[in-house]
Amino acid sequence: MARASASAKSPTAESAADLAGRTEEFTSRVVDGMGRLSQQINRSAQRLKGAAQDLRMPAALQHAIAARERGNLEAAFWLFNEEFNRRPDDSSVALSYWDVALSFGRGDIASPAGVKLVETRAANGETELAAQHWIELIKQAPDALVSPIAIATILPALKERLANANDDGPEDRQTLTGFLRTAVRHAVDPRNTGLHPGVALRIFQEGRKVNPEASRRAAEIALESPHLHEAKRERLIEWLAGNHTEAPSPEPNPPPQTEAPEPDVARAGIHRLSEEEIAAAAARLRKSKPAATAPAEAATPIRPRIERGTLIGIEDDALIVQGAPNGRLLYDDIQAVAVAEIIGLEDQAVTVIDLIRNWIRRNDEPLEIVRLRSSELDLENLVTSKHTLGSDFAALMGDILERTSAIPLPDPESALGTRISCYENPEGYERIVLRVPDRPA
């Protein structure tokens, strides 16, 4: 009986094993199918995302990018030209337009994009890149003017290039000296706006040896500041009274002229150039195309050097700040003033006033900041004169900005305290306002 029972169960056991095997195979196929379906869904999502971006992107910009990818530089140039004229404040459009202009050989028409690019890089603290863009710009559009503050920012980088130059490099000392002279001359050009005394003083300090003629104008504008320190005022007057008529260094040598076909300039809305002018411009542009370089290895961001201070008084030439060196902060030593509300410094939001001593600096130097807090200001004693501004705090900030001729950050309304921007944490404030890169992960 036992053997009969075992014999009877064998087919059932075999069927169960067969069923289990088929179930496992089916499950494996289902899993594989789900994986393929997931991949298809992801690909579809990416296509939809790309399509959504294309829908948001202006048609002219889409066509310009497509033309550039096809190698049709002429079509890409005019399409980017059209898009930049519609959105002149878009730095990404300016960069694309400028790159195509370099390749197409019409940087003269695209010079407003080059100006935008230099000023954006300089404002972001990318001084080396701003200096390189400026050199490219001047090679192609010698009369293009960037803002005086941008020139003040790139002058140290240009001087460093000159110090490290050699005759075997792409730019010799004579050419770089010419670029430096041009930069100083452009900064004080009467057509260039925004040269207030604080910036003029920095232009003079950086440029008096390379272009003493143009530096005279910078010194004269710097002397217009009623808050200029008396010692600096005396040195400027003494320098102006002296004989500073050094022989001028030559401007950059123009490249040799070559024949070039005349592009259709009617669409650009500018005056028609002569054949000689077009040939000279085309020769300059072809020589100015930058060589590809390997990406630099990411460096650890340099953190700002911040000292806490308390403003306790205002004098004719300085702020009296408890916590600052010698208890005084000269107006001429304050290059920028930033006002912001920061969450995360304490349990509640804190409004800070950052007095920045070296906004214009080398890339490897940390920002030097004396940080005040609005909650520690004795406005009743600090603001003694009548004013028409909305608050005593705005009156105080207006007084500080006027005395220092400092750059208001992140914008004039914020620096005056009439519309203060709020940031979720100190890192966000440093990244957006102070232009300090994020800490590496």
Protein backbone atom coordinates (compact mmCIF):
# COMPACT_ATOMS: atom_id res chain seq x y z
CA MET A 1 0.00 0.00 0.00
CA ALA A 2 2.83 2.36 0.84
CA ARG A 3 4.44 1.77 -2.54
CA ALA A 4 1.10 2.34 -4.32
CA SER A 5 0.56 5.59 -2.44
CA ALA A 6 4.06 6.87 -3.32
CA SER A 7 3.52 5.86 -6.92
CA ALA A 8 0.24 7.76 -7.01
CA LYS A 9 1.81 10.98 -5.66
CA SER A 10 4.69 11.09 -8.12
CA PRO A 11 2.71 12.61 -11.05
CA THR A 12 1.35 15.30 -8.71
CA ALA A 13 4.82 16.22 -7.49
CA GLU A 14 6.10 16.37 -11.05
CA SER A 15 3.21 18.63 -12.06
CA ALA A 16 3.88 20.96 -9.13
CA ALA A 17 7.55 21.24 -10.04
CA ASP A 18 6.65 21.90 -13.67
CA LEU A 19 4.13 24.55 -12.63
CA ALA A 20 6.69 26.23 -10.37
CA GLY A 21 9.22 26.33 -13.22
CA ARG A 22 6.74 27.83 -15.62
CA THR A 23 5.68 30.37 -13.00
CA GLU A 24 9.30 31.42 -12.46
CA GLU A 25 9.83 31.79 -16.22
CA PHE A 26 6.64 33.85 -16.53
CA THR A 27 7.67 36.06 -13.63
CA SER A 28 11.09 36.63 -15.24
CA ARG A 29 9.45 37.60 -18.52
CA VAL A 30 7.11 39.98 -16.70
CA VAL A 31 10.05 41.64 -14.91
CA ASP A 32 11.97 41.97 -18.18
CA GLY A 33 8.92 43.42 -19.85
CA MET A 34 8.40 45.92 -17.05
CA GLY A 35 12.07 46.96 -17.33
CA ARG A 36 11.76 47.56 -21.07
CA LEU A 37 8.51 49.45 -20.50
CA SER A 38 10.21 51.61 -17.86
CA GLN A 39 13.02 52.42 -20.28
CA GLN A 40 10.51 53.36 -22.96
CA ILE A 41 8.66 55.58 -20.49
CA ASN A 42 11.93 57.30 -19.52
CA ARG A 43 12.84 57.87 -23.16
CA SER A 44 9.39 59.26 -23.83
CA ALA A 45 9.66 61.53 -20.81
CA GLN A 46 13.01 62.84 -22.05
CA ARG A 47 11.53 63.46 -25.50
CA LEU A 48 8.58 65.26 -23.94
CA LYS A 49 10.92 67.32 -21.76
CA GLY A 50 12.99 68.27 -24.80
CA ALA A 51 9.85 69.10 -26.75
CA ALA A 52 8.62 71.28 -23.89
CA GLN A 53 11.94 73.12 -23.82
CA ASP A 54 11.75 73.60 -27.58
CA LEU A 55 8.24 74.99 -27.22
CA ARG A 56 9.45 77.48 -24.61
CA MET A 57 12.49 78.42 -26.72
CA PRO A 58 11.85 81.19 -29.28
CA ALA A 59 11.59 79.92 -32.84
CA ALA A 60 14.45 82.14 -34.04
CA LEU A 61 16.72 80.71 -31.36
CA GLN A 62 15.78 77.15 -32.29
CA HIS A 63 16.57 77.85 -35.94
CA ALA A 64 19.84 79.57 -34.99
CA ILE A 65 21.02 76.58 -32.95
CA ALA A 66 20.01 74.18 -35.72
CA ALA A 67 21.85 76.26 -38.34
CA ARG A 68 24.97 76.35 -36.18
CA GLU A 69 24.88 72.57 -35.74
CA ARG A 70 24.58 72.16 -39.52
CA GLY A 71 27.62 74.40 -39.99
CA ASN A 72 25.65 77.16 -41.71
CA LEU A 73 27.39 80.04 -39.90
CA GLU A 74 25.87 82.81 -41.99
CA ALA A 75 22.30 81.75 -41.22
CA ALA A 76 23.16 81.13 -37.56
CA PHE A 77 24.81 84.56 -37.30
CA TRP A 78 21.82 86.51 -38.59
CA LEU A 79 19.35 84.45 -36.54
CA PHE A 80 21.36 85.00 -33.35
CA ASN A 81 21.61 88.67 -34.32
CA GLU A 82 17.80 88.84 -34.49
CA GLU A 83 17.39 87.05 -31.16
CA PHE A 84 20.01 89.18 -29.37
CA ASN A 85 18.32 92.37 -30.57
CA ARG A 86 15.11 91.07 -28.98
CA ARG A 87 16.79 89.96 -25.74
CA PRO A 88 19.96 92.04 -25.25
CA ASP A 89 20.09 91.28 -21.51
CA ASP A 90 20.17 87.48 -21.96
CA SER A 91 23.82 86.54 -21.34
CA SER A 92 23.38 83.01 -22.77
CA VAL A 93 22.11 84.43 -26.08
CA ALA A 94 24.96 86.96 -26.04
CA LEU A 95 27.52 84.17 -25.58
CA SER A 96 26.10 82.06 -28.43
CA TYR A 97 25.85 85.09 -30.72
CA TRP A 98 29.41 86.16 -29.92
CA ASP A 99 30.86 82.68 -30.52
CA VAL A 100 29.16 82.44 -33.91
CA ALA A 101 30.29 85.99 -34.76
CA LEU A 102 33.90 85.02 -34.05
CA SER A 103 33.65 82.03 -36.36
CA PHE A 104 31.77 83.94 -39.06
CA GLY A 105 34.14 86.91 -38.90
CA ARG A 106 31.62 89.62 -38.04
CA GLY A 107 32.48 90.60 -34.49
CA ASP A 108 32.16 94.25 -35.55
CA ILE A 109 28.39 93.86 -35.94
CA ALA A 110 28.14 91.63 -32.82
CA SER A 111 30.18 93.98 -30.60
CA PRO A 112 27.18 94.77 -28.30
CA ALA A 113 27.09 91.05 -27.45
CA GLY A 114 30.83 91.14 -26.75
CA VAL A 115 30.34 94.14 -24.45
CA LYS A 116 27.54 92.32 -22.62
CA LEU A 117 29.75 89.26 -22.21
CA VAL A 118 32.71 91.23 -20.78
CA GLU A 119 30.52 93.13 -18.33
CA THR A 120 28.74 89.95 -17.17
CA ARG A 121 32.01 88.06 -16.61
CA ALA A 122 33.50 91.03 -14.75
CA ALA A 123 30.43 91.41 -12.52
CA ASN A 124 30.62 87.69 -11.71
CA GLY A 125 34.25 88.03 -10.62
CA GLU A 126 35.54 85.99 -13.60
CA THR A 127 38.32 88.49 -14.24
CA GLU A 128 40.61 86.31 -16.37
CA LEU A 129 37.76 85.29 -18.67
CA ALA A 130 36.48 88.87 -18.81
CA ALA A 131 39.96 90.08 -19.79
CA GLN A 132 40.21 87.46 -22.55
CA HIS A 133 36.78 88.41 -23.93
CA TRP A 134 37.75 92.09 -23.82
CA ILE A 135 40.93 91.48 -25.82
CA GLU A 136 38.91 89.56 -28.43
CA LEU A 137 36.38 92.39 -28.51
CA ILE A 138 39.00 95.12 -29.02
CA LYS A 139 40.73 93.14 -31.76
CA GLN A 140 37.49 93.11 -33.68
CA ALA A 141 35.76 96.33 -32.63
CA PRO A 142 38.49 98.74 -31.44
CA ASP A 143 36.00 101.45 -30.44
CA ALA A 144 33.65 99.22 -28.42
CA LEU A 145 33.26 100.61 -24.88
CA VAL A 146 32.58 98.46 -21.83
CA SER A 147 31.61 100.03 -18.50
CA PRO A 148 34.33 101.74 -16.42
CA ILE A 149 33.71 99.36 -13.50
CA ALA A 150 34.28 96.38 -15.83
CA ILE A 151 37.53 97.94 -17.03
CA ALA A 152 38.62 98.58 -13.45
CA THR A 153 37.92 94.89 -12.76
CA ILE A 154 39.99 93.54 -15.67
CA LEU A 155 42.96 95.94 -15.44
CA PRO A 156 44.79 93.85 -12.78
CA ALA A 157 44.37 90.74 -14.96
CA LEU A 158 45.72 92.59 -18.01
CA LYS A 159 48.71 93.83 -15.98
CA GLU A 160 49.40 90.30 -14.79
CA ARG A 161 49.38 89.09 -18.40
CA LEU A 162 51.90 91.79 -19.24
CA ALA A 163 54.13 90.79 -16.32
CA ASN A 164 54.12 87.16 -17.47
CA ALA A 165 54.41 87.87 -21.21
CA ASN A 166 57.30 86.77 -23.40
CA ASP A 167 58.07 87.24 -27.08
CA ASP A 168 57.38 83.57 -27.84
CA GLY A 169 53.79 83.73 -26.54
CA PRO A 170 50.61 84.55 -28.50
CA GLU A 171 50.76 88.20 -27.30
CA ASP A 172 54.09 89.99 -26.80
CA ARG A 173 54.77 92.71 -24.25
CA GLN A 174 54.39 95.51 -26.78
CA THR A 175 50.92 94.33 -27.82
CA LEU A 176 49.76 93.82 -24.23
CA THR A 177 51.04 97.27 -23.26
CA GLY A 178 48.94 98.65 -26.09
CA PHE A 179 45.87 96.83 -24.78
CA LEU A 180 46.45 98.26 -21.30
CA ARG A 181 46.71 101.78 -22.70
CA THR A 182 43.50 101.24 -24.65
CA ALA A 183 41.64 99.98 -21.57
CA VAL A 184 42.58 103.05 -19.51
CA ARG A 185 41.68 105.36 -22.41
CA HIS A 186 38.30 103.69 -22.87
CA ALA A 187 37.51 103.97 -19.14
CA VAL A 188 37.77 107.78 -19.24
CA ASP A 189 36.29 108.21 -22.71
CA PRO A 190 33.65 111.00 -22.55
CA ARG A 191 31.19 108.67 -24.32
CA ASN A 192 31.51 106.12 -21.51
CA THR A 193 29.04 106.65 -18.68
CA GLY A 194 29.25 105.53 -15.08
CA LEU A 195 32.74 106.74 -14.20
CA HIS A 196 32.07 107.95 -10.66
CA PRO A 197 34.96 109.14 -8.46
CA GLY A 198 35.46 105.83 -6.64
CA VAL A 199 35.95 103.90 -9.88
CA ALA A 200 38.04 106.73 -11.37
CA LEU A 201 40.45 106.49 -8.43
CA ARG A 202 40.97 102.77 -9.11
CA ILE A 203 41.46 103.43 -12.83
CA PHE A 204 44.11 106.02 -11.94
CA GLN A 205 45.88 103.70 -9.51
CA GLU A 206 46.04 100.87 -12.04
CA GLY A 207 46.69 102.93 -15.16
CA ARG A 208 48.90 105.91 -14.28
CA LYS A 209 52.11 104.14 -15.32
CA VAL A 210 50.84 102.58 -18.56
CA ASN A 211 48.76 105.53 -19.79
CA PRO A 212 49.53 108.72 -17.85
CA GLU A 213 47.69 110.90 -20.39
CA ALA A 214 44.33 109.15 -19.87
CA SER A 215 45.03 108.75 -16.16
CA ARG A 216 44.99 112.53 -15.78
CA ARG A 217 41.29 112.49 -16.60
CA ALA A 218 40.72 109.70 -14.04
CA ALA A 219 42.58 111.69 -11.39
CA GLU A 220 40.50 114.82 -12.11
CA ILE A 221 37.26 112.86 -11.72
CA ALA A 222 38.51 111.22 -8.52
CA LEU A 223 39.18 114.68 -7.07
CA GLU A 224 35.49 115.54 -7.52
CA SER A 225 34.59 113.30 -4.57
CA PRO A 226 33.90 115.39 -1.46
CA HIS A 227 34.80 112.37 0.69
CA LEU A 228 38.26 111.67 -0.76
CA HIS A 229 40.84 111.21 1.98
CA GLU A 230 43.03 114.31 2.28
CA ALA A 231 46.28 112.37 1.92
CA LYS A 232 45.07 110.83 -1.34
CA ARG A 233 43.77 114.19 -2.52
CA GLU A 234 47.18 115.76 -1.95
CA ARG A 235 48.94 112.93 -3.80
CA LEU A 236 46.57 113.30 -6.78
CA ILE A 237 47.08 117.06 -6.92
CA GLU A 238 50.85 116.61 -6.65
CA TRP A 239 50.80 114.01 -9.44
CA LEU A 240 48.69 116.25 -11.70
CA ALA A 241 51.01 119.20 -11.09
CA GLY A 242 54.10 117.17 -11.99
CA ASN A 243 55.50 116.47 -15.43
CA HIS A 244 53.95 113.11 -16.38
CA THR A 245 54.36 113.17 -20.11
CA GLU A 246 56.04 109.83 -20.60
CA ALA A 247 56.41 108.66 -24.19
CA PRO A 248 53.28 106.70 -25.04
CA SER A 249 53.61 103.01 -25.63
CA PRO A 250 52.30 101.89 -29.03
CA GLU A 251 48.77 100.60 -29.40
CA PRO A 252 48.33 96.97 -30.54
CA ASN A 253 49.76 96.42 -34.02
CA PRO A 254 46.94 95.83 -36.52
CA PRO A 255 47.16 92.50 -38.35
CA PRO A 256 48.04 92.62 -42.07
CA GLN A 257 45.12 93.41 -44.35
CA THR A 258 43.79 90.71 -46.64
CA GLU A 259 41.01 90.59 -49.17
CA ALA A 260 37.63 89.40 -47.88
CA PRO A 261 34.17 89.20 -49.48
CA GLU A 262 31.70 91.85 -48.36
CA PRO A 263 28.81 90.35 -46.37
CA ASP A 264 25.30 91.73 -46.67
CA VAL A 265 25.24 94.48 -44.03
CA ALA A 266 21.89 95.94 -45.04
CA ARG A 267 20.11 93.51 -42.71
CA ALA A 268 22.17 94.70 -39.75
CA GLY A 269 20.80 98.23 -39.94
CA ILE A 270 24.25 99.89 -39.94
CA HIS A 271 26.17 102.09 -42.37
CA ARG A 272 27.81 100.41 -45.35
CA LEU A 273 31.52 99.78 -44.91
CA SER A 274 34.11 100.36 -47.60
CA GLU A 275 35.92 97.38 -49.11
CA GLU A 276 39.13 98.42 -47.33
CA GLU A 277 37.37 98.57 -43.93
CA ILE A 278 35.76 95.17 -44.46
CA ALA A 279 39.07 93.62 -45.48
CA ALA A 280 40.84 95.02 -42.42
CA ALA A 281 38.04 93.91 -40.05
CA ALA A 282 37.90 90.42 -41.54
CA ALA A 283 41.66 90.01 -41.14
CA ARG A 284 41.48 91.08 -37.50
CA LEU A 285 38.61 88.74 -36.73
CA ARG A 286 40.18 85.65 -38.24
CA LYS A 287 43.31 86.13 -36.15
CA SER A 288 41.34 86.66 -32.94
CA LYS A 289 39.57 83.31 -32.78
CA PRO A 290 40.63 81.75 -29.45
CA ALA A 291 42.40 78.44 -29.41
CA ALA A 292 40.76 75.56 -27.59
CA THR A 293 42.16 75.00 -24.14
CA ALA A 294 41.79 72.15 -21.71
CA PRO A 295 39.32 72.85 -18.92
CA ALA A 296 41.01 73.99 -15.75
CA GLU A 297 40.85 71.73 -12.76
CA ALA A 298 38.21 72.93 -10.33
CA ALA A 299 39.73 74.80 -7.41
CA THR A 300 38.42 74.96 -3.89
CA PRO A 301 36.42 78.21 -3.54
CA ILE A 302 38.08 80.84 -1.37
CA ARG A 303 35.73 81.83 1.43
CA PRO A 304 35.21 85.49 2.32
CA ARG A 305 37.12 86.89 5.28
CA ILE A 306 34.37 88.43 7.44
CA GLU A 307 34.89 90.59 10.54
CA ARG A 308 31.94 91.53 12.74
CA GLY A 309 31.64 95.23 13.45
CA THR A 310 29.31 97.79 15.00
CA LEU A 311 28.87 101.24 13.45
CA ILE A 312 29.10 103.84 16.20
CA GLY A 313 29.85 107.05 14.31
CA ILE A 314 30.40 108.87 11.01
CA GLU A 315 33.29 111.26 10.39
CA ASP A 316 34.33 113.33 7.40
CA ASP A 317 36.73 110.70 6.05
CA ALA A 318 35.74 107.44 7.71
CA LEU A 319 33.15 105.31 9.45
CA ILE A 320 33.84 104.67 13.12
CA VAL A 321 33.36 100.91 13.42
CA GLN A 322 33.99 98.94 16.57
CA GLY A 323 35.73 95.76 15.39
CA ALA A 324 37.42 97.28 12.33
CA PRO A 325 41.22 97.74 12.24
CA ASN A 326 42.08 100.86 14.28
CA GLY A 327 38.36 101.33 14.83
CA ARG A 328 38.05 103.28 11.56
CA LEU A 329 37.07 102.35 8.02
CA LEU A 330 38.12 104.98 5.47
CA TYR A 331 35.57 105.74 2.77
CA ASP A 332 38.18 105.20 0.06
CA ASP A 333 38.74 101.68 1.39
CA ILE A 334 35.11 100.63 0.85
CA GLN A 335 34.65 99.41 -2.73
CA ALA A 336 31.16 97.89 -2.44
CA VAL A 337 28.24 97.83 0.00
CA ALA A 338 25.79 94.92 0.15
CA VAL A 339 22.55 94.81 2.13
CA ALA A 340 20.50 91.62 2.51
CA GLU A 341 18.28 89.69 4.86
CA ILE A 342 19.74 86.26 5.65
CA ILE A 343 17.96 83.33 7.27
CA GLY A 344 20.19 80.87 9.10
CA LEU A 345 22.65 83.20 10.78
CA GLU A 346 20.53 83.06 13.93
CA ASP A 347 17.11 81.78 15.00
CA GLN A 348 15.46 84.57 13.02
CA ALA A 349 16.24 86.47 9.82
CA VAL A 350 19.05 89.01 10.16
CA THR A 351 19.61 92.09 7.99
CA VAL A 352 23.32 92.53 7.35
CA ILE A 353 25.31 95.39 5.85
CA ASP A 354 28.54 94.13 4.29
CA LEU A 355 31.23 96.75 3.76
CA ILE A 356 33.46 95.14 1.13
CA ARG A 357 37.03 96.41 0.98
CA ASN A 358 38.30 94.59 -2.13
CA TRP A 359 35.42 93.92 -4.53
CA ILE A 360 37.93 94.44 -7.35
CA ARG A 361 40.60 91.85 -6.64
CA ARG A 362 42.55 88.88 -7.97
CA ASN A 363 40.74 85.55 -8.30
CA ASP A 364 42.95 83.97 -5.63
CA GLU A 365 42.21 86.63 -3.01
CA PRO A 366 39.34 86.30 -0.51
CA LEU A 367 36.78 89.04 -0.14
CA GLU A 368 37.55 91.21 2.89
CA ILE A 369 34.31 92.23 4.58
CA VAL A 370 33.34 94.18 7.67
CA ARG A 371 29.80 93.00 8.51
CA LEU A 372 27.32 95.19 10.36
CA ARG A 373 23.84 94.23 11.55
CA SER A 374 20.87 96.56 11.27
CA SER A 375 19.62 95.52 14.71
CA GLU A 376 22.79 96.99 16.25
CA LEU A 377 22.50 100.42 14.57
CA ASP A 378 21.67 103.44 16.73
CA LEU A 379 19.76 105.20 13.97
CA GLU A 380 18.64 108.05 16.21
CA ASN A 381 22.26 109.15 16.75
CA LEU A 382 23.64 108.10 13.33
CA VAL A 383 20.98 109.97 11.31
CA THR A 384 20.89 113.54 12.59
CA SER A 385 19.88 115.52 9.49
CA LYS A 386 16.43 115.79 7.92
CA HIS A 387 15.76 113.60 4.92
CA THR A 388 13.01 112.74 2.46
CA LEU A 389 13.68 109.01 2.30
CA GLY A 390 11.19 106.52 3.67
CA SER A 391 13.15 105.52 6.75
CA ASP A 392 16.18 106.43 8.85
CA PHE A 393 17.84 103.22 7.71
CA ALA A 394 17.48 104.25 4.04
CA ALA A 395 18.84 107.71 4.91
CA LEU A 396 21.86 106.15 6.63
CA MET A 397 22.60 103.81 3.73
CA GLY A 398 22.21 106.65 1.23
CA ASP A 399 24.71 108.69 3.23
CA ILE A 400 27.22 105.80 3.32
CA LEU A 401 26.86 105.10 -0.41
CA GLU A 402 27.32 108.78 -1.26
CA ARG A 403 30.40 109.17 0.94
CA THR A 404 32.09 105.97 -0.24
CA SER A 405 31.06 106.02 -3.94
CA ALA A 406 30.78 102.25 -3.42
CA ILE A 407 29.10 99.77 -5.74
CA PRO A 408 25.59 98.96 -4.40
CA LEU A 409 24.88 95.22 -4.14
CA PRO A 410 22.90 93.34 -5.23
CA ASP A 411 21.19 96.45 -6.66
CA PRO A 412 20.69 100.09 -5.63
CA GLU A 413 17.25 99.52 -4.07
CA SER A 414 18.55 96.71 -1.87
CA ALA A 415 21.66 98.63 -0.85
CA LEU A 416 19.51 101.62 0.13
CA GLY A 417 17.28 99.36 2.19
CA THR A 418 14.10 100.29 0.30
CA ARG A 419 13.63 96.75 -1.04
CA ILE A 420 15.84 94.26 0.76
CA SER A 421 16.26 90.80 -0.79
CA CYS A 422 16.00 87.75 1.47
CA TYR A 423 18.19 84.63 1.22
CA GLU A 424 17.53 81.25 2.81
CA ASN A 425 21.08 80.73 4.06
CA PRO A 426 24.49 82.42 4.14
CA GLU A 427 25.77 80.19 1.33
CA GLY A 428 22.98 81.31 -1.03
CA TYR A 429 23.68 84.97 -0.23
CA GLU A 430 27.42 84.51 -0.83
CA ARG A 431 26.82 82.70 -4.11
CA ILE A 432 24.27 85.14 -5.55
CA VAL A 433 25.38 88.50 -4.17
CA LEU A 434 29.07 88.08 -3.32
CA ARG A 435 29.70 85.78 -6.32
CA VAL A 436 31.43 83.15 -4.19
CA PRO A 437 31.18 79.64 -5.74
CA ASP A 438 29.50 76.83 -3.82
CA ARG A 439 31.59 74.70 -1.51
CA PRO A 440 32.53 71.40 -3.17
CA ALA A 441 30.32 68.49 -2.20
